[in-house]
Amino acid sequence: MESHSRSIAKAVSYRCLGSLSTALIFYLFSKDVSLSLGAGAVDTVVKIGVYFLHERLWNHVRFGRIKPPEYEI
């Protein structure tokens, strides 16, 4: 299981890349720098929260996990 701080760090780093691409795509369509930066900023805030919740929910799903041994020698 991951710590809350690790999930937050992963969410922030992932969203920085994702929001940069959102701002770039927005700029390519609109040619408006301020609109593009605003879209990137809103995208960052909303999706960090969604990603964090997604990560925390998946910590409760057992699918694909290998059960650790009960003891080791």
PDB file of N, CA and C in Angstrom:
ATOM      1  N   MET A   1       0.844  -1.179   0.000  1.00  0.00           N
ATOM      2  CA  MET A   1       0.000   0.000   0.000  1.00  0.00           C
ATOM      3  C   MET A   1       0.891   1.245   0.000  1.00  0.00           C
ATOM      4  N   GLU A   2       0.468   2.266  -0.704  1.00  0.00           N
ATOM      5  CA  GLU A   2       1.228   3.501  -0.798  1.00  0.00           C
ATOM      6  C   GLU A   2       0.789   4.500   0.263  1.00  0.00           C
ATOM      7  N   SER A   3       1.724   5.390   0.638  1.00  0.00           N
ATOM      8  CA  SER A   3       1.377   6.443   1.586  1.00  0.00           C
ATOM      9  C   SER A   3       0.615   7.553   0.866  1.00  0.00           C
ATOM     10  N   HIS A   4      -0.091   8.372   1.638  1.00  0.00           N
ATOM     11  CA  HIS A   4      -0.824   9.502   1.067  1.00  0.00           C
ATOM     12  C   HIS A   4       0.142  10.474   0.381  1.00  0.00           C
ATOM     13  N   SER A   5       1.297  10.711   0.984  1.00  0.00           N
ATOM     14  CA  SER A   5       2.245  11.663   0.404  1.00  0.00           C
ATOM     15  C   SER A   5       2.801  11.155  -0.923  1.00  0.00           C
ATOM     16  N   ARG A   6       3.019   9.854  -1.053  1.00  0.00           N
ATOM     17  CA  ARG A   6       3.486   9.297  -2.329  1.00  0.00           C
ATOM     18  C   ARG A   6       2.413   9.454  -3.400  1.00  0.00           C
ATOM     19  N   SER A   7       1.163   9.188  -3.052  1.00  0.00           N
ATOM     20  CA  SER A   7       0.073   9.365  -4.011  1.00  0.00           C
ATOM     21  C   SER A   7      -0.042  10.819  -4.451  1.00  0.00           C
ATOM     22  N   ILE A   8       0.133  11.744  -3.525  1.00  0.00           N
ATOM     23  CA  ILE A   8       0.069  13.173  -3.870  1.00  0.00           C
ATOM     24  C   ILE A   8       1.234  13.546  -4.786  1.00  0.00           C
ATOM     25  N   ALA A   9       2.439  13.097  -4.484  1.00  0.00           N
ATOM     26  CA  ALA A   9       3.605  13.406  -5.313  1.00  0.00           C
ATOM     27  C   ALA A   9       3.429  12.862  -6.726  1.00  0.00           C
ATOM     28  N   LYS A  10       2.914  11.650  -6.845  1.00  0.00           N
ATOM     29  CA  LYS A  10       2.661  11.075  -8.161  1.00  0.00           C
ATOM     30  C   LYS A  10       1.604  11.880  -8.910  1.00  0.00           C
ATOM     31  N   ALA A  11       0.554  12.279  -8.216  1.00  0.00           N
ATOM     32  CA  ALA A  11      -0.519  13.048  -8.845  1.00  0.00           C
ATOM     33  C   ALA A  11      -0.006  14.386  -9.356  1.00  0.00           C
ATOM     34  N   VAL A  12       0.802  15.075  -8.555  1.00  0.00           N
ATOM     35  CA  VAL A  12       1.297  16.391  -8.947  1.00  0.00           C
ATOM     36  C   VAL A  12       2.232  16.278 -10.151  1.00  0.00           C
ATOM     37  N   SER A  13       3.173  15.335 -10.126  1.00  0.00           N
ATOM     38  CA  SER A  13       4.104  15.204 -11.250  1.00  0.00           C
ATOM     39  C   SER A  13       3.384  14.805 -12.526  1.00  0.00           C
ATOM     40  N   TYR A  14       2.431  13.912 -12.423  1.00  0.00           N
ATOM     41  CA  TYR A  14       1.659  13.486 -13.592  1.00  0.00           C
ATOM     42  C   TYR A  14       0.841  14.635 -14.158  1.00  0.00           C
ATOM     43  N   ARG A  15       0.215  15.411 -13.275  1.00  0.00           N
ATOM     44  CA  ARG A  15      -0.634  16.506 -13.739  1.00  0.00           C
ATOM     45  C   ARG A  15       0.168  17.647 -14.328  1.00  0.00           C
ATOM     46  N   CYS A  16       1.371  17.877 -13.856  1.00  0.00           N
ATOM     47  CA  CYS A  16       2.201  18.919 -14.469  1.00  0.00           C
ATOM     48  C   CYS A  16       2.413  18.604 -15.949  1.00  0.00           C
ATOM     49  N   LEU A  17       2.740  17.369 -16.251  1.00  0.00           N
ATOM     50  CA  LEU A  17       2.909  16.975 -17.649  1.00  0.00           C
ATOM     51  C   LEU A  17       1.579  17.034 -18.405  1.00  0.00           C
ATOM     52  N   GLY A  18       0.528  16.536 -17.788  1.00  0.00           N
ATOM     53  CA  GLY A  18      -0.780  16.530 -18.436  1.00  0.00           C
ATOM     54  C   GLY A  18      -1.316  17.927 -18.683  1.00  0.00           C
ATOM     55  N   SER A  19      -1.146  18.824 -17.732  1.00  0.00           N
ATOM     56  CA  SER A  19      -1.652  20.183 -17.883  1.00  0.00           C
ATOM     57  C   SER A  19      -0.848  20.980 -18.893  1.00  0.00           C
ATOM     58  N   LEU A  20       0.433  20.699 -18.970  1.00  0.00           N
ATOM     59  CA  LEU A  20       1.253  21.341 -19.992  1.00  0.00           C
ATOM     60  C   LEU A  20       0.765  20.936 -21.383  1.00  0.00           C
ATOM     61  N   SER A  21       0.458  19.668 -21.560  1.00  0.00           N
ATOM     62  CA  SER A  21      -0.056  19.235 -22.861  1.00  0.00           C
ATOM     63  C   SER A  21      -1.444  19.817 -23.134  1.00  0.00           C
ATOM     64  N   THR A  22      -2.285  19.947 -22.102  1.00  0.00           N
ATOM     65  CA  THR A  22      -3.602  20.565 -22.269  1.00  0.00           C
ATOM     66  C   THR A  22      -3.463  22.022 -22.701  1.00  0.00           C
ATOM     67  N   ALA A  23      -2.575  22.758 -22.049  1.00  0.00           N
ATOM     68  CA  ALA A  23      -2.362  24.163 -22.397  1.00  0.00           C
ATOM     69  C   ALA A  23      -1.835  24.292 -23.824  1.00  0.00           C
ATOM     70  N   LEU A  24      -0.929  23.409 -24.220  1.00  0.00           N
ATOM     71  CA  LEU A  24      -0.377  23.446 -25.574  1.00  0.00           C
ATOM     72  C   LEU A  24      -1.465  23.168 -26.613  1.00  0.00           C
ATOM     73  N   ILE A  25      -2.278  22.163 -26.375  1.00  0.00           N
ATOM     74  CA  ILE A  25      -3.370  21.849 -27.302  1.00  0.00           C
ATOM     75  C   ILE A  25      -4.362  23.003 -27.370  1.00  0.00           C
ATOM     76  N   PHE A  26      -4.694  23.557 -26.220  1.00  0.00           N
ATOM     77  CA  PHE A  26      -5.605  24.704 -26.171  1.00  0.00           C
ATOM     78  C   PHE A  26      -5.044  25.866 -26.980  1.00  0.00           C
ATOM     79  N   TYR A  27      -3.748  26.101 -26.842  1.00  0.00           N
ATOM     80  CA  TYR A  27      -3.110  27.192 -27.576  1.00  0.00           C
ATOM     81  C   TYR A  27      -3.146  26.940 -29.091  1.00  0.00           C
ATOM     82  N   LEU A  28      -2.895  25.698 -29.490  1.00  0.00           N
ATOM     83  CA  LEU A  28      -2.915  25.380 -30.921  1.00  0.00           C
ATOM     84  C   LEU A  28      -4.284  25.659 -31.539  1.00  0.00           C
ATOM     85  N   PHE A  29      -5.346  25.444 -30.777  1.00  0.00           N
ATOM     86  CA  PHE A  29      -6.694  25.692 -31.292  1.00  0.00           C
ATOM     87  C   PHE A  29      -7.132  27.148 -31.144  1.00  0.00           C
ATOM     88  N   SER A  30      -6.739  27.795 -30.065  1.00  0.00           N
ATOM     89  CA  SER A  30      -7.270  29.136 -29.785  1.00  0.00           C
ATOM     90  C   SER A  30      -6.313  30.273 -30.133  1.00  0.00           C
ATOM     91  N   LYS A  31      -5.003  29.999 -30.143  1.00  0.00           N
ATOM     92  CA  LYS A  31      -3.974  31.031 -30.337  1.00  0.00           C
ATOM     93  C   LYS A  31      -4.069  32.135 -29.278  1.00  0.00           C
ATOM     94  N   ASP A  32      -4.632  31.797 -28.113  1.00  0.00           N
ATOM     95  CA  ASP A  32      -4.797  32.749 -27.012  1.00  0.00           C
ATOM     96  C   ASP A  32      -4.016  32.227 -25.809  1.00  0.00           C
ATOM     97  N   VAL A  33      -2.912  32.903 -25.476  1.00  0.00           N
ATOM     98  CA  VAL A  33      -2.022  32.445 -24.403  1.00  0.00           C
ATOM     99  C   VAL A  33      -2.728  32.444 -23.048  1.00  0.00           C
ATOM    100  N   SER A  34      -3.440  33.516 -22.706  1.00  0.00           N
ATOM    101  CA  SER A  34      -4.073  33.587 -21.383  1.00  0.00           C
ATOM    102  C   SER A  34      -5.172  32.534 -21.233  1.00  0.00           C
ATOM    103  N   LEU A  35      -5.939  32.305 -22.277  1.00  0.00           N
ATOM    104  CA  LEU A  35      -6.971  31.271 -22.235  1.00  0.00           C
ATOM    105  C   LEU A  35      -6.340  29.890 -22.070  1.00  0.00           C
ATOM    106  N   SER A  36      -5.246  29.666 -22.765  1.00  0.00           N
ATOM    107  CA  SER A  36      -4.544  28.383 -22.687  1.00  0.00           C
ATOM    108  C   SER A  36      -3.966  28.140 -21.301  1.00  0.00           C
ATOM    109  N   LEU A  37      -3.349  29.164 -20.707  1.00  0.00           N
ATOM    110  CA  LEU A  37      -2.792  29.017 -19.360  1.00  0.00           C
ATOM    111  C   LEU A  37      -3.898  28.816 -18.325  1.00  0.00           C
ATOM    112  N   GLY A  38      -5.011  29.497 -18.505  1.00  0.00           N
ATOM    113  CA  GLY A  38      -6.152  29.308 -17.600  1.00  0.00           C
ATOM    114  C   GLY A  38      -6.703  27.896 -17.674  1.00  0.00           C
ATOM    115  N   ALA A  39      -6.830  27.388 -18.884  1.00  0.00           N
ATOM    116  CA  ALA A  39      -7.316  26.006 -19.055  1.00  0.00           C
ATOM    117  C   ALA A  39      -6.340  25.023 -18.418  1.00  0.00           C
ATOM    118  N   GLY A  40      -5.044  25.255 -18.591  1.00  0.00           N
ATOM    119  CA  GLY A  40      -4.042  24.389 -17.972  1.00  0.00           C
ATOM    120  C   GLY A  40      -4.099  24.433 -16.458  1.00  0.00           C
ATOM    121  N   ALA A  41      -4.330  25.617 -15.897  1.00  0.00           N
ATOM    122  CA  ALA A  41      -4.402  25.770 -14.438  1.00  0.00           C
ATOM    123  C   ALA A  41      -5.629  25.060 -13.860  1.00  0.00           C
ATOM    124  N   VAL A  42      -6.779  25.267 -14.478  1.00  0.00           N
ATOM    125  CA  VAL A  42      -8.002  24.609 -14.007  1.00  0.00           C
ATOM    126  C   VAL A  42      -7.855  23.092 -14.148  1.00  0.00           C
ATOM    127  N   ASP A  43      -7.288  22.657 -15.259  1.00  0.00           N
ATOM    128  CA  ASP A  43      -7.060  21.234 -15.500  1.00  0.00           C
ATOM    129  C   ASP A  43      -6.195  20.629 -14.397  1.00  0.00           C
ATOM    130  N   THR A  44      -5.162  21.363 -13.978  1.00  0.00           N
ATOM    131  CA  THR A  44      -4.268  20.880 -12.926  1.00  0.00           C
ATOM    132  C   THR A  44      -5.005  20.657 -11.615  1.00  0.00           C
ATOM    133  N   VAL A  45      -5.739  21.644 -11.175  1.00  0.00           N
ATOM    134  CA  VAL A  45      -6.416  21.577  -9.878  1.00  0.00           C
ATOM    135  C   VAL A  45      -7.457  20.455  -9.850  1.00  0.00           C
ATOM    136  N   VAL A  46      -8.284  20.404 -10.861  1.00  0.00           N
ATOM    137  CA  VAL A  46      -9.355  19.399 -10.889  1.00  0.00           C
ATOM    138  C   VAL A  46      -8.787  17.992 -10.988  1.00  0.00           C
ATOM    139  N   LYS A  47      -7.846  17.792 -11.874  1.00  0.00           N
ATOM    140  CA  LYS A  47      -7.371  16.432 -12.117  1.00  0.00           C
ATOM    141  C   LYS A  47      -6.413  15.906 -11.056  1.00  0.00           C
ATOM    142  N   ILE A  48      -5.748  16.779 -10.312  1.00  0.00           N
ATOM    143  CA  ILE A  48      -4.954  16.289  -9.178  1.00  0.00           C
ATOM    144  C   ILE A  48      -5.891  15.659  -8.152  1.00  0.00           C
ATOM    145  N   GLY A  49      -6.992  16.322  -7.878  1.00  0.00           N
ATOM    146  CA  GLY A  49      -7.970  15.771  -6.934  1.00  0.00           C
ATOM    147  C   GLY A  49      -8.562  14.462  -7.418  1.00  0.00           C
ATOM    148  N   VAL A  50      -8.917  14.399  -8.683  1.00  0.00           N
ATOM    149  CA  VAL A  50      -9.509  13.175  -9.242  1.00  0.00           C
ATOM    150  C   VAL A  50      -8.497  12.033  -9.217  1.00  0.00           C
ATOM    151  N   TYR A  51      -7.246  12.320  -9.589  1.00  0.00           N
ATOM    152  CA  TYR A  51      -6.207  11.292  -9.590  1.00  0.00           C
ATOM    153  C   TYR A  51      -5.936  10.777  -8.178  1.00  0.00           C
ATOM    154  N   PHE A  52      -5.872  11.683  -7.209  1.00  0.00           N
ATOM    155  CA  PHE A  52      -5.629  11.279  -5.827  1.00  0.00           C
ATOM    156  C   PHE A  52      -6.735  10.344  -5.340  1.00  0.00           C
ATOM    157  N   LEU A  53      -7.990  10.709  -5.588  1.00  0.00           N
ATOM    158  CA  LEU A  53      -9.110   9.846  -5.194  1.00  0.00           C
ATOM    159  C   LEU A  53      -9.042   8.498  -5.901  1.00  0.00           C
ATOM    160  N   HIS A  54      -8.695   8.510  -7.175  1.00  0.00           N
ATOM    161  CA  HIS A  54      -8.563   7.273  -7.943  1.00  0.00           C
ATOM    162  C   HIS A  54      -7.500   6.359  -7.328  1.00  0.00           C
ATOM    163  N   GLU A  55      -6.351   6.932  -6.993  1.00  0.00           N
ATOM    164  CA  GLU A  55      -5.279   6.158  -6.366  1.00  0.00           C
ATOM    165  C   GLU A  55      -5.716   5.565  -5.028  1.00  0.00           C
ATOM    166  N   ARG A  56      -6.365   6.366  -4.208  1.00  0.00           N
ATOM    167  CA  ARG A  56      -6.790   5.891  -2.886  1.00  0.00           C
ATOM    168  C   ARG A  56      -7.845   4.805  -3.002  1.00  0.00           C
ATOM    169  N   LEU A  57      -8.757   4.939  -3.953  1.00  0.00           N
ATOM    170  CA  LEU A  57      -9.768   3.896  -4.152  1.00  0.00           C
ATOM    171  C   LEU A  57      -9.129   2.591  -4.614  1.00  0.00           C
ATOM    172  N   TRP A  58      -8.157   2.674  -5.506  1.00  0.00           N
ATOM    173  CA  TRP A  58      -7.491   1.465  -5.990  1.00  0.00           C
ATOM    174  C   TRP A  58      -6.707   0.759  -4.889  1.00  0.00           C
ATOM    175  N   ASN A  59      -6.332   1.448  -3.829  1.00  0.00           N
ATOM    176  CA  ASN A  59      -5.671   0.776  -2.710  1.00  0.00           C
ATOM    177  C   ASN A  59      -6.598  -0.205  -2.002  1.00  0.00           C
ATOM    178  N   HIS A  60      -7.904  -0.069  -2.219  1.00  0.00           N
ATOM    179  CA  HIS A  60      -8.875  -0.970  -1.599  1.00  0.00           C
ATOM    180  C   HIS A  60      -9.297  -2.106  -2.536  1.00  0.00           C
ATOM    181  N   VAL A  61      -8.801  -2.119  -3.756  1.00  0.00           N
ATOM    182  CA  VAL A  61      -9.141  -3.157  -4.725  1.00  0.00           C
ATOM    183  C   VAL A  61      -8.070  -4.234  -4.682  1.00  0.00           C
ATOM    184  N   ARG A  62      -8.479  -5.472  -4.517  1.00  0.00           N
ATOM    185  CA  ARG A  62      -7.514  -6.570  -4.412  1.00  0.00           C
ATOM    186  C   ARG A  62      -7.110  -7.138  -5.765  1.00  0.00           C
ATOM    187  N   PHE A  63      -7.819  -6.789  -6.817  1.00  0.00           N
ATOM    188  CA  PHE A  63      -7.543  -7.310  -8.149  1.00  0.00           C
ATOM    189  C   PHE A  63      -6.078  -7.107  -8.535  1.00  0.00           C
ATOM    190  N   GLY A  64      -5.410  -8.176  -8.953  1.00  0.00           N
ATOM    191  CA  GLY A  64      -4.041  -8.091  -9.447  1.00  0.00           C
ATOM    192  C   GLY A  64      -2.955  -8.043  -8.394  1.00  0.00           C
ATOM    193  N   ARG A  65      -3.320  -8.050  -7.135  1.00  0.00           N
ATOM    194  CA  ARG A  65      -2.314  -8.023  -6.067  1.00  0.00           C
ATOM    195  C   ARG A  65      -1.905  -9.440  -5.712  1.00  0.00           C
ATOM    196  N   ILE A  66      -0.641  -9.570  -5.417  1.00  0.00           N
ATOM    197  CA  ILE A  66      -0.117 -10.850  -4.947  1.00  0.00           C
ATOM    198  C   ILE A  66      -0.054 -10.792  -3.438  1.00  0.00           C
ATOM    199  N   LYS A  67      -0.648 -11.786  -2.815  1.00  0.00           N
ATOM    200  CA  LYS A  67      -0.666 -11.811  -1.346  1.00  0.00           C
ATOM    201  C   LYS A  67       0.754 -12.091  -0.831  1.00  0.00           C
ATOM    202  N   PRO A  68       1.262 -11.223   0.047  1.00  0.00           N
ATOM    203  CA  PRO A  68       2.596 -11.461   0.604  1.00  0.00           C
ATOM    204  C   PRO A  68       2.590 -12.687   1.517  1.00  0.00           C
ATOM    205  N   PRO A  69       3.726 -13.344   1.638  1.00  0.00           N
ATOM    206  CA  PRO A  69       3.773 -14.510   2.536  1.00  0.00           C
ATOM    207  C   PRO A  69       3.485 -14.085   3.979  1.00  0.00           C
ATOM    208  N   GLU A  70       2.902 -15.012   4.744  1.00  0.00           N
ATOM    209  CA  GLU A  70       2.564 -14.713   6.127  1.00  0.00           C
ATOM    210  C   GLU A  70       3.815 -14.579   7.002  1.00  0.00           C
ATOM    211  N   TYR A  71       4.892 -15.214   6.588  1.00  0.00           N
ATOM    212  CA  TYR A  71       6.145 -15.098   7.327  1.00  0.00           C
ATOM    213  C   TYR A  71       7.306 -15.381   6.383  1.00  0.00           C
ATOM    214  N   GLU A  72       8.467 -14.939   6.766  1.00  0.00           N
ATOM    215  CA  GLU A  72       9.677 -15.202   6.007  1.00  0.00           C
ATOM    216  C   GLU A  72      10.729 -15.748   6.934  1.00  0.00           C
ATOM    217  N   ILE A  73      11.593 -16.563   6.368  1.00  0.00           N
ATOM    218  CA  ILE A  73      12.683 -17.141   7.165  1.00  0.00           C
ATOM    219  C   ILE A  73      13.943 -16.353   6.933  1.00  0.00           C
TER     220      ILE A  73
END
